[in-house]
Amino acid sequence: MSWKWEYAFSAEAAARTAPASFLREVEKKADELVRMCEVAYLHSSDHQELDPKGSTLTIPGGMITYQIVVRRQRVYIMQITDLEW
């Protein structure tokens, strides 16, 4: 298994109607988070601690809220907010 990201909950529904340029920014930031997790959690299958607290990041045109689930090797995009739409 390797680290990946995916939309969760209502973010997936919002992504269906968001502008393509904004979604490219979401995907870029999600890819950066995945790369960070690959380095920070090298032995994720052995992870016994609580998952890190999620956060909100500003991206060009809006923001995203994400959650990292280490044992599943996933970054979940919980919410996207396009401020220009």
N, C-alpha and C. Protein backbone atom coordinates (compact mmCIF):
# COMPACT_ATOMS: atom_id res chain seq x y z
N MET A 1 0.85 -1.17 0.00
CA MET A 1 0.00 0.00 0.00
C MET A 1 0.90 1.24 0.00
N SER A 2 0.47 2.26 -0.68
CA SER A 2 1.24 3.50 -0.68
C SER A 2 0.30 4.67 -0.38
N TRP A 3 0.90 5.77 -0.01
CA TRP A 3 0.13 6.94 0.36
C TRP A 3 -0.64 7.48 -0.84
N LYS A 4 -1.88 7.87 -0.59
CA LYS A 4 -2.74 8.48 -1.61
C LYS A 4 -3.62 9.52 -0.93
N TRP A 5 -4.32 10.27 -1.72
CA TRP A 5 -5.30 11.20 -1.18
C TRP A 5 -6.62 10.96 -1.88
N GLU A 6 -7.69 11.37 -1.21
CA GLU A 6 -9.02 11.28 -1.81
C GLU A 6 -9.96 12.24 -1.13
N TYR A 7 -11.03 12.56 -1.84
CA TYR A 7 -12.06 13.41 -1.27
C TYR A 7 -12.90 12.59 -0.30
N ALA A 8 -13.39 13.24 0.72
CA ALA A 8 -14.28 12.58 1.68
C ALA A 8 -15.54 13.42 1.86
N PHE A 9 -16.62 12.75 2.19
CA PHE A 9 -17.87 13.39 2.55
C PHE A 9 -18.33 14.40 1.49
N SER A 10 -18.68 15.58 1.93
CA SER A 10 -19.25 16.58 1.02
C SER A 10 -18.22 17.20 0.09
N ALA A 11 -16.93 17.03 0.37
CA ALA A 11 -15.91 17.59 -0.51
C ALA A 11 -15.99 16.96 -1.89
N GLU A 12 -16.34 15.69 -1.96
CA GLU A 12 -16.46 15.02 -3.25
C GLU A 12 -17.60 15.64 -4.06
N ALA A 13 -18.72 15.91 -3.41
CA ALA A 13 -19.85 16.54 -4.10
C ALA A 13 -19.49 17.95 -4.54
N ALA A 14 -18.79 18.70 -3.70
CA ALA A 14 -18.39 20.06 -4.06
C ALA A 14 -17.40 20.06 -5.22
N ALA A 15 -16.55 19.04 -5.28
CA ALA A 15 -15.56 18.97 -6.35
C ALA A 15 -16.21 18.78 -7.71
N ARG A 16 -17.39 18.22 -7.75
CA ARG A 16 -18.08 18.01 -9.03
C ARG A 16 -18.50 19.32 -9.69
N THR A 17 -18.68 20.37 -8.88
CA THR A 17 -19.16 21.63 -9.43
C THR A 17 -18.14 22.77 -9.35
N ALA A 18 -17.00 22.52 -8.74
CA ALA A 18 -15.99 23.57 -8.60
C ALA A 18 -15.26 23.79 -9.92
N PRO A 19 -14.76 24.99 -10.14
CA PRO A 19 -14.03 25.28 -11.37
C PRO A 19 -12.76 24.43 -11.49
N ALA A 20 -12.41 24.07 -12.70
CA ALA A 20 -11.25 23.21 -12.95
C ALA A 20 -9.95 23.83 -12.44
N SER A 21 -9.80 25.14 -12.58
CA SER A 21 -8.56 25.79 -12.13
C SER A 21 -8.39 25.67 -10.61
N PHE A 22 -9.49 25.77 -9.88
CA PHE A 22 -9.43 25.62 -8.43
C PHE A 22 -9.12 24.17 -8.05
N LEU A 23 -9.73 23.23 -8.75
CA LEU A 23 -9.48 21.82 -8.46
C LEU A 23 -8.02 21.43 -8.72
N ARG A 24 -7.38 22.06 -9.72
CA ARG A 24 -5.95 21.81 -9.95
C ARG A 24 -5.13 22.24 -8.75
N GLU A 25 -5.50 23.36 -8.13
CA GLU A 25 -4.79 23.83 -6.94
C GLU A 25 -5.02 22.88 -5.76
N VAL A 26 -6.24 22.37 -5.63
CA VAL A 26 -6.54 21.40 -4.58
C VAL A 26 -5.67 20.16 -4.77
N GLU A 27 -5.61 19.67 -5.99
CA GLU A 27 -4.83 18.47 -6.29
C GLU A 27 -3.34 18.69 -6.04
N LYS A 28 -2.82 19.86 -6.40
CA LYS A 28 -1.41 20.15 -6.13
C LYS A 28 -1.11 20.10 -4.64
N LYS A 29 -1.97 20.73 -3.85
CA LYS A 29 -1.75 20.76 -2.40
C LYS A 29 -1.90 19.36 -1.80
N ALA A 30 -2.88 18.60 -2.28
CA ALA A 30 -3.07 17.23 -1.79
C ALA A 30 -1.85 16.37 -2.13
N ASP A 31 -1.29 16.53 -3.31
CA ASP A 31 -0.08 15.80 -3.69
C ASP A 31 1.09 16.16 -2.78
N GLU A 32 1.21 17.44 -2.43
CA GLU A 32 2.26 17.87 -1.49
C GLU A 32 2.08 17.21 -0.12
N LEU A 33 0.84 17.15 0.34
CA LEU A 33 0.56 16.51 1.63
C LEU A 33 0.92 15.03 1.59
N VAL A 34 0.63 14.37 0.49
CA VAL A 34 0.97 12.94 0.35
C VAL A 34 2.48 12.76 0.41
N ARG A 35 3.23 13.60 -0.30
CA ARG A 35 4.70 13.50 -0.25
C ARG A 35 5.23 13.73 1.15
N MET A 36 4.63 14.68 1.87
CA MET A 36 5.05 14.95 3.24
C MET A 36 4.79 13.72 4.12
N CYS A 37 3.65 13.08 3.95
CA CYS A 37 3.31 11.91 4.75
C CYS A 37 4.22 10.73 4.44
N GLU A 38 4.60 10.58 3.18
CA GLU A 38 5.51 9.49 2.81
C GLU A 38 6.83 9.60 3.56
N VAL A 39 7.28 10.82 3.80
CA VAL A 39 8.52 11.04 4.52
C VAL A 39 8.31 10.97 6.03
N ALA A 40 7.27 11.58 6.51
CA ALA A 40 7.04 11.67 7.96
C ALA A 40 6.61 10.35 8.59
N TYR A 41 5.95 9.50 7.83
CA TYR A 41 5.42 8.25 8.37
C TYR A 41 5.94 7.07 7.55
N LEU A 42 7.26 6.86 7.61
CA LEU A 42 7.89 5.79 6.83
C LEU A 42 7.35 4.41 7.21
N HIS A 43 7.06 4.20 8.47
CA HIS A 43 6.57 2.91 8.95
C HIS A 43 5.12 3.05 9.40
N SER A 44 4.28 3.47 8.48
CA SER A 44 2.90 3.76 8.84
C SER A 44 2.12 2.54 9.29
N SER A 45 2.47 1.35 8.80
CA SER A 45 1.74 0.15 9.22
C SER A 45 2.00 -0.18 10.68
N ASP A 46 3.10 0.31 11.23
CA ASP A 46 3.43 0.09 12.64
C ASP A 46 2.97 1.23 13.54
N HIS A 47 2.32 2.22 12.98
CA HIS A 47 1.91 3.41 13.72
C HIS A 47 0.90 3.05 14.81
N GLN A 48 1.22 3.40 16.05
CA GLN A 48 0.36 3.07 17.18
C GLN A 48 -0.26 4.29 17.85
N GLU A 49 0.22 5.46 17.52
CA GLU A 49 -0.26 6.68 18.15
C GLU A 49 -1.55 7.16 17.47
N LEU A 50 -2.13 8.20 18.04
CA LEU A 50 -3.30 8.81 17.42
C LEU A 50 -2.90 9.46 16.10
N ASP A 51 -3.83 9.54 15.19
CA ASP A 51 -3.56 10.23 13.93
C ASP A 51 -3.37 11.71 14.21
N PRO A 52 -2.54 12.39 13.40
CA PRO A 52 -2.34 13.82 13.61
C PRO A 52 -3.64 14.59 13.43
N LYS A 53 -3.73 15.70 14.10
CA LYS A 53 -4.91 16.55 13.98
C LYS A 53 -4.98 17.13 12.57
N GLY A 54 -6.16 17.15 12.00
CA GLY A 54 -6.36 17.75 10.68
C GLY A 54 -6.14 19.25 10.73
N SER A 55 -6.15 19.85 9.58
CA SER A 55 -5.88 21.27 9.52
C SER A 55 -6.54 21.89 8.29
N THR A 56 -6.51 23.19 8.24
CA THR A 56 -7.00 23.95 7.10
C THR A 56 -5.82 24.66 6.46
N LEU A 57 -5.71 24.57 5.15
CA LEU A 57 -4.64 25.23 4.41
C LEU A 57 -5.23 26.20 3.40
N THR A 58 -4.58 27.32 3.25
CA THR A 58 -4.96 28.29 2.23
C THR A 58 -4.27 27.90 0.93
N ILE A 59 -5.02 27.91 -0.15
CA ILE A 59 -4.48 27.66 -1.48
C ILE A 59 -4.95 28.80 -2.38
N PRO A 60 -4.32 28.98 -3.53
CA PRO A 60 -4.77 30.05 -4.42
C PRO A 60 -6.26 29.89 -4.76
N GLY A 61 -7.05 30.89 -4.43
CA GLY A 61 -8.47 30.90 -4.73
C GLY A 61 -9.37 30.35 -3.65
N GLY A 62 -8.80 29.86 -2.56
CA GLY A 62 -9.65 29.30 -1.51
C GLY A 62 -8.89 28.60 -0.42
N MET A 63 -9.49 27.51 0.08
CA MET A 63 -8.84 26.75 1.15
C MET A 63 -9.36 25.32 1.16
N ILE A 64 -8.58 24.45 1.83
CA ILE A 64 -8.98 23.06 2.00
C ILE A 64 -8.82 22.68 3.47
N THR A 65 -9.65 21.76 3.90
CA THR A 65 -9.52 21.15 5.22
C THR A 65 -9.22 19.68 4.97
N TYR A 66 -8.19 19.17 5.67
CA TYR A 66 -7.78 17.80 5.43
C TYR A 66 -7.58 17.05 6.74
N GLN A 67 -7.55 15.73 6.63
CA GLN A 67 -7.27 14.84 7.77
C GLN A 67 -6.34 13.74 7.28
N ILE A 68 -5.33 13.44 8.08
CA ILE A 68 -4.38 12.36 7.76
C ILE A 68 -4.76 11.14 8.59
N VAL A 69 -4.87 9.99 7.93
CA VAL A 69 -5.11 8.73 8.62
C VAL A 69 -3.91 7.83 8.31
N VAL A 70 -3.00 7.74 9.28
CA VAL A 70 -1.70 7.12 9.06
C VAL A 70 -1.81 5.65 8.71
N ARG A 71 -2.53 4.88 9.49
CA ARG A 71 -2.57 3.43 9.26
C ARG A 71 -3.23 3.06 7.92
N ARG A 72 -4.06 3.92 7.39
CA ARG A 72 -4.66 3.67 6.07
C ARG A 72 -3.85 4.31 4.95
N GLN A 73 -2.83 5.07 5.31
CA GLN A 73 -1.97 5.79 4.37
C GLN A 73 -2.79 6.66 3.44
N ARG A 74 -3.64 7.48 4.04
CA ARG A 74 -4.52 8.35 3.28
C ARG A 74 -4.52 9.76 3.82
N VAL A 75 -4.62 10.69 2.89
CA VAL A 75 -4.91 12.08 3.21
C VAL A 75 -6.31 12.32 2.67
N TYR A 76 -7.23 12.61 3.56
CA TYR A 76 -8.62 12.86 3.16
C TYR A 76 -8.86 14.36 3.07
N ILE A 77 -9.35 14.81 1.94
CA ILE A 77 -9.75 16.20 1.78
C ILE A 77 -11.19 16.27 2.26
N MET A 78 -11.37 16.90 3.41
CA MET A 78 -12.68 16.91 4.07
C MET A 78 -13.59 18.01 3.54
N GLN A 79 -12.99 19.14 3.19
CA GLN A 79 -13.80 20.28 2.73
C GLN A 79 -12.97 21.12 1.78
N ILE A 80 -13.60 21.63 0.73
CA ILE A 80 -12.95 22.59 -0.16
C ILE A 80 -13.82 23.84 -0.19
N THR A 81 -13.16 24.98 -0.20
CA THR A 81 -13.87 26.25 -0.24
C THR A 81 -13.23 27.12 -1.32
N ASP A 82 -13.96 27.38 -2.38
CA ASP A 82 -13.51 28.22 -3.46
C ASP A 82 -14.04 29.62 -3.22
N LEU A 83 -13.16 30.55 -2.91
CA LEU A 83 -13.59 31.91 -2.56
C LEU A 83 -13.89 32.77 -3.80
N GLU A 84 -13.50 32.30 -4.96
CA GLU A 84 -13.72 33.09 -6.17
C GLU A 84 -14.92 32.62 -6.97
N TRP A 85 -15.57 31.56 -6.57
CA TRP A 85 -16.65 30.96 -7.35
C TRP A 85 -17.94 31.62 -7.07
